[in-house]
Amino acid sequence: MTTYSNLKYDHSFSSNATGTGGLTKISSQTASSSSSLSFTTGIDSSYKEYVFKFINIHPATDFSSLQFNFSIDGGSNYNVTKTTTGFQSAHNESDSATPFEYLTGIDLAQSTSYQSLNENSGNDNDQAISGYMHLFEPSSTTFVKHYISQMHTANGGEYATNIFTAGYGNTTSAINAIDFKMSSGNIDNGTIIMYGVS
């Protein structure tokens, strides 16, 4: 059976190599009308890559977005400067619109604002957000901190939207915490799981 570890870099490693792609669950959090979900432990030099999986994140407020910000002081402040980009493909339920577009509303240019991972989440009972985000070598004190994400949203305008974002935290300080929240209102329910990639 092919595993993520087999496919990650598509070539062999010696028996003592690191970075071969095994996922180790570190922690998870489940929202219950939560203003935010913060991971303030477990992001350290143990892993060069971290993966966050978002399982049926349901917003309390219609047309809101799931956002994140980094911290370099264990979560006392979430204000790391970021430069980012994003685009989406979408398809509405009536089959009348199929946009594929760059999202100027969610890109940042040297901003300490929270970064959106999607747009216009629906808060109907059957709507939610799911996807993943990779964070690369957050403990580096040499390089900026790259991330990539892919999210699927049941949009408040009755669209299926697939949104890709990427960027970097423009700091050479170690990132050791991350906060997730909605752009408006609470996270009604849903789970975020953090993994280390070994």
C-alpha atoms as a PDB file:
ATOM      1  CA  MET A   1       0.000   0.000   0.000  1.00  0.00           C
ATOM      2  CA  THR A   2       1.350   3.420  -0.944  1.00  0.00           C
ATOM      3  CA  THR A   3       1.524   5.881   1.951  1.00  0.00           C
ATOM      4  CA  TYR A   4       2.159   9.584   2.298  1.00  0.00           C
ATOM      5  CA  SER A   5       5.637   8.663   3.530  1.00  0.00           C
ATOM      6  CA  ASN A   6       6.323   6.712   0.303  1.00  0.00           C
ATOM      7  CA  LEU A   7       5.182   9.534  -1.957  1.00  0.00           C
ATOM      8  CA  LYS A   8       6.446  12.645  -0.163  1.00  0.00           C
ATOM      9  CA  TYR A   9       9.687  13.121  -2.062  1.00  0.00           C
ATOM     10  CA  ASP A  10       9.469  10.226  -4.556  1.00  0.00           C
ATOM     11  CA  HIS A  11      12.956   8.892  -3.857  1.00  0.00           C
ATOM     12  CA  SER A  12      14.699   6.669  -1.343  1.00  0.00           C
ATOM     13  CA  PHE A  13      16.301   7.733   1.923  1.00  0.00           C
ATOM     14  CA  SER A  14      18.938   5.971   3.957  1.00  0.00           C
ATOM     15  CA  SER A  15      17.732   4.309   7.142  1.00  0.00           C
ATOM     16  CA  ASN A  16      18.866   7.233   9.304  1.00  0.00           C
ATOM     17  CA  ALA A  17      17.377   9.993   7.135  1.00  0.00           C
ATOM     18  CA  THR A  18      14.866  12.497   8.432  1.00  0.00           C
ATOM     19  CA  GLY A  19      12.083  14.224   6.516  1.00  0.00           C
ATOM     20  CA  THR A  20      10.581  11.034   5.096  1.00  0.00           C
ATOM     21  CA  GLY A  21       7.018  12.213   5.561  1.00  0.00           C
ATOM     22  CA  GLY A  22       5.418  10.264   8.425  1.00  0.00           C
ATOM     23  CA  LEU A  23       2.587  12.182  10.142  1.00  0.00           C
ATOM     24  CA  THR A  24       2.596  12.316  13.947  1.00  0.00           C
ATOM     25  CA  LYS A  25      -0.494  13.724  15.603  1.00  0.00           C
ATOM     26  CA  ILE A  26       0.535  16.352  18.145  1.00  0.00           C
ATOM     27  CA  SER A  27      -2.787  17.801  19.303  1.00  0.00           C
ATOM     28  CA  SER A  28      -6.310  18.691  18.241  1.00  0.00           C
ATOM     29  CA  GLN A  29      -8.927  21.214  19.260  1.00  0.00           C
ATOM     30  CA  THR A  30     -12.685  21.182  18.755  1.00  0.00           C
ATOM     31  CA  ALA A  31     -14.656  24.406  18.697  1.00  0.00           C
ATOM     32  CA  SER A  32     -17.839  25.031  20.631  1.00  0.00           C
ATOM     33  CA  SER A  33     -18.937  28.604  19.910  1.00  0.00           C
ATOM     34  CA  SER A  34     -15.238  29.509  20.234  1.00  0.00           C
ATOM     35  CA  SER A  35     -13.833  32.948  19.480  1.00  0.00           C
ATOM     36  CA  SER A  36     -10.594  31.256  18.349  1.00  0.00           C
ATOM     37  CA  LEU A  37      -8.573  28.043  18.509  1.00  0.00           C
ATOM     38  CA  SER A  38      -4.918  28.571  19.424  1.00  0.00           C
ATOM     39  CA  PHE A  39      -2.000  26.129  19.331  1.00  0.00           C
ATOM     40  CA  THR A  40       0.551  27.446  21.829  1.00  0.00           C
ATOM     41  CA  THR A  41       2.526  24.254  22.496  1.00  0.00           C
ATOM     42  CA  GLY A  42       4.056  21.628  20.228  1.00  0.00           C
ATOM     43  CA  ILE A  43       5.343  24.005  17.523  1.00  0.00           C
ATOM     44  CA  ASP A  44       9.093  23.752  18.026  1.00  0.00           C
ATOM     45  CA  SER A  45      12.253  22.317  16.498  1.00  0.00           C
ATOM     46  CA  SER A  46      10.986  18.717  16.776  1.00  0.00           C
ATOM     47  CA  TYR A  47       9.705  18.882  13.175  1.00  0.00           C
ATOM     48  CA  LYS A  48      10.684  20.812  10.050  1.00  0.00           C
ATOM     49  CA  GLU A  49       7.098  20.712   8.735  1.00  0.00           C
ATOM     50  CA  TYR A  50       3.718  20.931  10.423  1.00  0.00           C
ATOM     51  CA  VAL A  51       0.317  20.100   8.916  1.00  0.00           C
ATOM     52  CA  PHE A  52      -2.991  21.479  10.178  1.00  0.00           C
ATOM     53  CA  LYS A  53      -6.168  19.686   9.074  1.00  0.00           C
ATOM     54  CA  PHE A  54      -9.501  21.483   9.272  1.00  0.00           C
ATOM     55  CA  ILE A  55     -12.521  19.203   9.664  1.00  0.00           C
ATOM     56  CA  ASN A  56     -15.984  20.709   9.076  1.00  0.00           C
ATOM     57  CA  ILE A  57     -15.305  24.153  10.503  1.00  0.00           C
ATOM     58  CA  HIS A  58     -18.754  25.706  10.838  1.00  0.00           C
ATOM     59  CA  PRO A  59     -18.921  29.500  11.246  1.00  0.00           C
ATOM     60  CA  ALA A  60     -21.569  31.185  13.353  1.00  0.00           C
ATOM     61  CA  THR A  61     -21.708  34.123  10.896  1.00  0.00           C
ATOM     62  CA  ASP A  62     -22.632  33.871   7.221  1.00  0.00           C
ATOM     63  CA  PHE A  63     -20.070  35.090   4.631  1.00  0.00           C
ATOM     64  CA  SER A  64     -17.162  34.980   7.089  1.00  0.00           C
ATOM     65  CA  SER A  65     -13.659  33.572   6.506  1.00  0.00           C
ATOM     66  CA  LEU A  66     -11.353  31.301   8.490  1.00  0.00           C
ATOM     67  CA  GLN A  67      -8.158  33.199   9.305  1.00  0.00           C
ATOM     68  CA  PHE A  68      -4.832  32.654  11.065  1.00  0.00           C
ATOM     69  CA  ASN A  69      -1.903  34.568  12.473  1.00  0.00           C
ATOM     70  CA  PHE A  70       1.500  33.539  13.812  1.00  0.00           C
ATOM     71  CA  SER A  71       3.182  34.341  17.120  1.00  0.00           C
ATOM     72  CA  ILE A  72       6.870  34.466  18.074  1.00  0.00           C
ATOM     73  CA  ASP A  73       6.189  34.890  21.805  1.00  0.00           C
ATOM     74  CA  GLY A  74       4.143  31.804  22.684  1.00  0.00           C
ATOM     75  CA  GLY A  75       0.793  33.392  21.874  1.00  0.00           C
ATOM     76  CA  SER A  76       1.059  36.666  23.793  1.00  0.00           C
ATOM     77  CA  ASN A  77       0.783  38.481  20.447  1.00  0.00           C
ATOM     78  CA  TYR A  78      -0.375  37.260  17.020  1.00  0.00           C
ATOM     79  CA  ASN A  79       1.122  39.886  14.741  1.00  0.00           C
ATOM     80  CA  VAL A  80       3.807  38.423  12.456  1.00  0.00           C
ATOM     81  CA  THR A  81       4.331  40.376   9.207  1.00  0.00           C
ATOM     82  CA  LYS A  82       3.169  38.338   6.191  1.00  0.00           C
ATOM     83  CA  THR A  83       3.187  38.542   2.389  1.00  0.00           C
ATOM     84  CA  THR A  84       0.677  36.179   0.758  1.00  0.00           C
ATOM     85  CA  THR A  85      -1.318  35.311  -2.356  1.00  0.00           C
ATOM     86  CA  GLY A  86      -4.461  33.334  -3.186  1.00  0.00           C
ATOM     87  CA  PHE A  87      -6.770  32.122  -5.956  1.00  0.00           C
ATOM     88  CA  GLN A  88      -9.944  30.075  -6.280  1.00  0.00           C
ATOM     89  CA  SER A  89     -12.045  27.941  -8.550  1.00  0.00           C
ATOM     90  CA  ALA A  90     -15.769  27.801  -7.862  1.00  0.00           C
ATOM     91  CA  HIS A  91     -19.069  26.434  -9.147  1.00  0.00           C
ATOM     92  CA  ASN A  92     -22.529  27.414  -7.981  1.00  0.00           C
ATOM     93  CA  GLU A  93     -25.489  25.123  -7.381  1.00  0.00           C
ATOM     94  CA  SER A  94     -27.527  26.550 -10.264  1.00  0.00           C
ATOM     95  CA  ASP A  95     -24.660  25.831 -12.726  1.00  0.00           C
ATOM     96  CA  SER A  96     -24.729  29.467 -13.873  1.00  0.00           C
ATOM     97  CA  ALA A  97     -21.282  30.584 -12.662  1.00  0.00           C
ATOM     98  CA  THR A  98     -17.852  28.947 -12.693  1.00  0.00           C
ATOM     99  CA  PRO A  99     -15.289  31.579 -11.673  1.00  0.00           C
ATOM    100  CA  PHE A 100     -11.542  30.918 -11.670  1.00  0.00           C
ATOM    101  CA  GLU A 101      -9.798  33.959 -10.270  1.00  0.00           C
ATOM    102  CA  TYR A 102      -7.043  35.611  -8.299  1.00  0.00           C
ATOM    103  CA  LEU A 103      -8.357  36.770  -4.927  1.00  0.00           C
ATOM    104  CA  THR A 104      -7.192  40.307  -4.283  1.00  0.00           C
ATOM    105  CA  GLY A 105      -9.316  40.440  -1.144  1.00  0.00           C
ATOM    106  CA  ILE A 106      -7.234  37.896   0.761  1.00  0.00           C
ATOM    107  CA  ASP A 107      -3.660  38.707  -0.266  1.00  0.00           C
ATOM    108  CA  LEU A 108      -1.404  40.599   2.130  1.00  0.00           C
ATOM    109  CA  ALA A 109       1.677  42.735   1.440  1.00  0.00           C
ATOM    110  CA  GLN A 110       3.875  43.125   4.498  1.00  0.00           C
ATOM    111  CA  SER A 111       0.885  43.112   6.828  1.00  0.00           C
ATOM    112  CA  THR A 112       0.467  41.971  10.428  1.00  0.00           C
ATOM    113  CA  SER A 113      -3.261  41.342   9.848  1.00  0.00           C
ATOM    114  CA  TYR A 114      -4.796  37.883  10.112  1.00  0.00           C
ATOM    115  CA  GLN A 115      -4.539  35.905   6.863  1.00  0.00           C
ATOM    116  CA  SER A 116      -7.752  34.465   5.371  1.00  0.00           C
ATOM    117  CA  LEU A 117      -7.658  30.843   4.231  1.00  0.00           C
ATOM    118  CA  ASN A 118     -10.971  31.092   2.374  1.00  0.00           C
ATOM    119  CA  GLU A 119     -13.782  33.520   1.576  1.00  0.00           C
ATOM    120  CA  ASN A 120     -17.512  33.808   2.246  1.00  0.00           C
ATOM    121  CA  SER A 121     -18.142  30.670   4.297  1.00  0.00           C
ATOM    122  CA  GLY A 122     -21.789  29.739   4.639  1.00  0.00           C
ATOM    123  CA  ASN A 123     -23.357  29.242   8.066  1.00  0.00           C
ATOM    124  CA  ASP A 124     -26.308  27.105   6.963  1.00  0.00           C
ATOM    125  CA  ASN A 125     -26.595  23.907   8.989  1.00  0.00           C
ATOM    126  CA  ASP A 126     -25.251  21.871   6.050  1.00  0.00           C
ATOM    127  CA  GLN A 127     -22.312  24.203   5.227  1.00  0.00           C
ATOM    128  CA  ALA A 128     -18.740  24.017   6.539  1.00  0.00           C
ATOM    129  CA  ILE A 129     -15.045  24.467   5.683  1.00  0.00           C
ATOM    130  CA  SER A 130     -12.512  21.625   5.340  1.00  0.00           C
ATOM    131  CA  GLY A 131      -8.913  21.519   4.145  1.00  0.00           C
ATOM    132  CA  TYR A 132      -5.298  21.669   5.240  1.00  0.00           C
ATOM    133  CA  MET A 133      -2.330  23.978   5.742  1.00  0.00           C
ATOM    134  CA  HIS A 134       1.404  23.188   5.718  1.00  0.00           C
ATOM    135  CA  LEU A 135       3.855  25.291   7.746  1.00  0.00           C
ATOM    136  CA  PHE A 136       7.549  24.808   6.946  1.00  0.00           C
ATOM    137  CA  GLU A 137      10.361  24.937   9.517  1.00  0.00           C
ATOM    138  CA  PRO A 138       8.778  27.415  11.931  1.00  0.00           C
ATOM    139  CA  SER A 139      11.731  27.161  14.348  1.00  0.00           C
ATOM    140  CA  SER A 140      14.290  28.393  11.813  1.00  0.00           C
ATOM    141  CA  THR A 141      16.188  31.486  12.888  1.00  0.00           C
ATOM    142  CA  THR A 142      17.660  31.863   9.389  1.00  0.00           C
ATOM    143  CA  PHE A 143      14.746  31.822   6.937  1.00  0.00           C
ATOM    144  CA  VAL A 144      11.250  33.292   6.564  1.00  0.00           C
ATOM    145  CA  LYS A 145       8.371  30.919   7.403  1.00  0.00           C
ATOM    146  CA  HIS A 146       6.574  29.547   4.328  1.00  0.00           C
ATOM    147  CA  TYR A 147       3.054  28.141   4.347  1.00  0.00           C
ATOM    148  CA  ILE A 148       0.694  26.695   1.728  1.00  0.00           C
ATOM    149  CA  SER A 149      -2.986  25.794   2.117  1.00  0.00           C
ATOM    150  CA  GLN A 150      -5.932  24.363   0.246  1.00  0.00           C
ATOM    151  CA  MET A 151      -9.454  24.816   1.591  1.00  0.00           C
ATOM    152  CA  HIS A 152     -12.876  23.806   0.370  1.00  0.00           C
ATOM    153  CA  THR A 153     -15.817  25.956   1.380  1.00  0.00           C
ATOM    154  CA  ALA A 154     -19.546  25.595   1.049  1.00  0.00           C
ATOM    155  CA  ASN A 155     -19.956  29.272   0.207  1.00  0.00           C
ATOM    156  CA  GLY A 156     -22.707  31.461   1.613  1.00  0.00           C
ATOM    157  CA  GLY A 157     -23.754  32.217  -1.967  1.00  0.00           C
ATOM    158  CA  GLU A 158     -24.368  28.480  -2.582  1.00  0.00           C
ATOM    159  CA  TYR A 159     -21.007  27.856  -4.271  1.00  0.00           C
ATOM    160  CA  ALA A 160     -18.514  25.042  -3.945  1.00  0.00           C
ATOM    161  CA  THR A 161     -15.205  26.906  -3.732  1.00  0.00           C
ATOM    162  CA  ASN A 162     -11.686  25.490  -3.761  1.00  0.00           C
ATOM    163  CA  ILE A 163      -9.251  28.120  -2.467  1.00  0.00           C
ATOM    164  CA  PHE A 164      -5.453  27.996  -2.544  1.00  0.00           C
ATOM    165  CA  THR A 165      -3.330  30.393  -0.505  1.00  0.00           C
ATOM    166  CA  ALA A 166       0.404  30.606   0.123  1.00  0.00           C
ATOM    167  CA  GLY A 167       2.890  33.022   1.542  1.00  0.00           C
ATOM    168  CA  TYR A 168       5.432  33.582   4.240  1.00  0.00           C
ATOM    169  CA  GLY A 169       5.785  35.057   7.678  1.00  0.00           C
ATOM    170  CA  ASN A 170       8.516  37.603   7.112  1.00  0.00           C
ATOM    171  CA  THR A 171      10.504  36.928  10.265  1.00  0.00           C
ATOM    172  CA  THR A 172      13.692  35.087  11.115  1.00  0.00           C
ATOM    173  CA  SER A 173      12.465  34.630  14.691  1.00  0.00           C
ATOM    174  CA  ALA A 174      11.071  31.211  15.551  1.00  0.00           C
ATOM    175  CA  ILE A 175       7.289  30.900  15.236  1.00  0.00           C
ATOM    176  CA  ASN A 176       5.977  28.978  18.253  1.00  0.00           C
ATOM    177  CA  ALA A 177       2.205  29.530  18.235  1.00  0.00           C
ATOM    178  CA  ILE A 178      -0.649  29.963  15.765  1.00  0.00           C
ATOM    179  CA  ASP A 179      -4.190  31.258  16.219  1.00  0.00           C
ATOM    180  CA  PHE A 180      -7.243  30.447  14.057  1.00  0.00           C
ATOM    181  CA  LYS A 181     -10.458  32.476  14.111  1.00  0.00           C
ATOM    182  CA  MET A 182     -13.308  33.624  11.876  1.00  0.00           C
ATOM    183  CA  SER A 183     -13.194  37.067  10.281  1.00  0.00           C
ATOM    184  CA  SER A 184     -16.570  37.719  11.922  1.00  0.00           C
ATOM    185  CA  GLY A 185     -18.277  35.884  14.762  1.00  0.00           C
ATOM    186  CA  ASN A 186     -17.299  32.632  16.453  1.00  0.00           C
ATOM    187  CA  ILE A 187     -16.281  29.203  15.210  1.00  0.00           C
ATOM    188  CA  ASP A 188     -19.565  27.427  15.941  1.00  0.00           C
ATOM    189  CA  ASN A 189     -18.023  23.942  15.779  1.00  0.00           C
ATOM    190  CA  GLY A 190     -15.433  21.856  13.938  1.00  0.00           C
ATOM    191  CA  THR A 191     -12.010  20.378  14.648  1.00  0.00           C
ATOM    192  CA  ILE A 192      -8.431  21.407  13.852  1.00  0.00           C
ATOM    193  CA  ILE A 193      -5.724  18.721  14.121  1.00  0.00           C
ATOM    194  CA  MET A 194      -1.985  19.532  14.208  1.00  0.00           C
ATOM    195  CA  TYR A 195       0.569  17.001  12.927  1.00  0.00           C
ATOM    196  CA  GLY A 196       4.343  16.990  12.753  1.00  0.00           C
ATOM    197  CA  VAL A 197       5.940  15.592   9.580  1.00  0.00           C
ATOM    198  CA  SER A 198       8.951  13.420  10.366  1.00  0.00           C
END
